[in-house]
Amino acid sequence: MSFIGARINVDGAVQGVGFRYWCLRTAREIGVNGYVANLLDGSVEIEAEGERGLIEEFLKAVKIGPAYAHISDMKIKWYEKPRGYRDFGIRYKD
């Protein structure tokens, strides 16, 4: 198993369209751990970690997103040291 982690910032019409709940469901179906959170600037932050192939599958899905979302940009920062996520959840940031 080849571990990889990614912090993803997603811009576009991604708040108020069910994007976080879609990410939650998709991540759990694929089998990656981490979180998704709305940010104050209107973007969404995702951290996802797990086996490389599963992360790549998740990223492909995120690029498409749910029906009412429109992804205009995705920035990905990779990391190799696990942060210890045991599930995928929704976080609420200030």
Protein backbone atom coordinates (compact mmCIF):
# COMPACT_ATOMS: atom_id res chain seq x y z
CA MET A 1 0.00 0.00 0.00
CA SER A 2 1.33 3.39 -1.00
CA PHE A 3 0.11 6.09 1.41
CA ILE A 4 -0.46 9.67 0.25
CA GLY A 5 -2.30 12.66 1.64
CA ALA A 6 -3.65 15.75 -0.06
CA ARG A 7 -4.94 19.13 1.07
CA ILE A 8 -7.27 20.41 -1.62
CA ASN A 9 -8.74 23.89 -1.95
CA VAL A 10 -11.74 23.98 -4.28
CA ASP A 11 -13.02 27.25 -5.77
CA GLY A 12 -16.25 27.90 -7.64
CA ALA A 13 -19.91 27.41 -6.79
CA VAL A 14 -19.18 24.96 -3.99
CA GLN A 15 -21.08 26.34 -1.01
CA GLY A 16 -24.84 26.07 -0.61
CA VAL A 17 -25.07 23.24 -3.16
CA GLY A 18 -24.54 20.17 -0.95
CA PHE A 19 -20.86 19.89 -1.84
CA ARG A 20 -19.64 18.97 1.68
CA TYR A 21 -22.23 16.23 2.09
CA TRP A 22 -21.45 14.91 -1.39
CA CYS A 23 -17.71 14.84 -0.48
CA LEU A 24 -18.50 13.01 2.75
CA ARG A 25 -20.53 10.34 0.98
CA THR A 26 -18.04 9.99 -1.91
CA ALA A 27 -14.99 9.75 0.37
CA ARG A 28 -16.63 7.08 2.51
CA GLU A 29 -17.72 5.11 -0.58
CA ILE A 30 -14.18 5.23 -2.01
CA GLY A 31 -12.53 4.57 1.34
CA VAL A 32 -10.44 7.66 2.07
CA ASN A 33 -10.17 9.46 5.41
CA GLY A 34 -9.98 13.17 6.23
CA TYR A 35 -12.43 16.07 6.27
CA VAL A 36 -14.20 18.73 4.23
CA ALA A 37 -14.93 22.28 5.42
CA ASN A 38 -16.38 25.51 4.04
CA LEU A 39 -14.01 28.47 4.24
CA LEU A 40 -15.00 32.10 4.79
CA ASP A 41 -13.80 33.11 1.31
CA GLY A 42 -16.44 30.88 -0.32
CA SER A 43 -14.08 28.02 -1.17
CA VAL A 44 -13.99 24.53 0.31
CA GLU A 45 -11.00 22.84 1.96
CA ILE A 46 -10.58 19.07 1.83
CA GLU A 47 -7.95 16.88 3.42
CA ALA A 48 -7.94 13.32 2.17
CA GLU A 49 -5.48 10.55 2.88
CA GLY A 50 -5.13 6.88 2.19
CA GLU A 51 -3.87 4.58 -0.53
CA ARG A 52 -2.62 6.51 -3.59
CA GLY A 53 -5.06 4.90 -6.05
CA LEU A 54 -8.04 5.71 -3.82
CA ILE A 55 -6.93 9.34 -3.40
CA GLU A 56 -6.58 9.70 -7.18
CA GLU A 57 -10.07 8.22 -7.65
CA PHE A 58 -11.45 10.67 -5.06
CA LEU A 59 -9.73 13.64 -6.75
CA LYS A 60 -11.24 12.70 -10.12
CA ALA A 61 -14.68 12.65 -8.50
CA VAL A 62 -14.11 15.99 -6.75
CA LYS A 63 -13.18 17.64 -10.07
CA ILE A 64 -16.67 16.77 -11.31
CA GLY A 65 -18.53 17.33 -8.02
CA PRO A 66 -22.28 17.07 -7.42
CA ALA A 67 -24.88 18.22 -9.95
CA TYR A 68 -25.35 21.79 -8.68
CA ALA A 69 -21.69 22.56 -7.98
CA HIS A 70 -19.34 24.23 -10.45
CA ILE A 71 -15.63 23.72 -9.86
CA SER A 72 -13.58 26.58 -11.28
CA ASP A 73 -10.20 25.71 -9.71
CA MET A 74 -8.57 23.06 -7.52
CA LYS A 75 -5.23 23.49 -5.76
CA ILE A 76 -3.61 20.36 -4.34
CA LYS A 77 -0.75 20.14 -1.82
CA TRP A 78 0.55 16.61 -1.29
CA TYR A 79 1.97 15.19 1.92
CA GLU A 80 3.39 11.82 2.95
CA LYS A 81 3.17 11.85 6.76
CA PRO A 82 -0.22 10.54 8.00
CA ARG A 83 -2.26 12.93 10.15
CA GLY A 84 -4.19 10.10 11.78
CA TYR A 85 -7.68 10.44 10.32
CA ARG A 86 -9.80 7.37 11.04
CA ASP A 87 -12.88 8.42 9.06
CA PHE A 88 -14.06 11.21 6.77
CA GLY A 89 -16.10 14.01 8.30
CA ILE A 90 -17.40 17.54 7.95
CA ARG A 91 -15.61 20.24 9.92
CA TYR A 92 -16.95 23.64 10.79
CA LYS A 93 -14.35 26.40 10.70
CA ASP A 94 -14.61 29.87 12.20
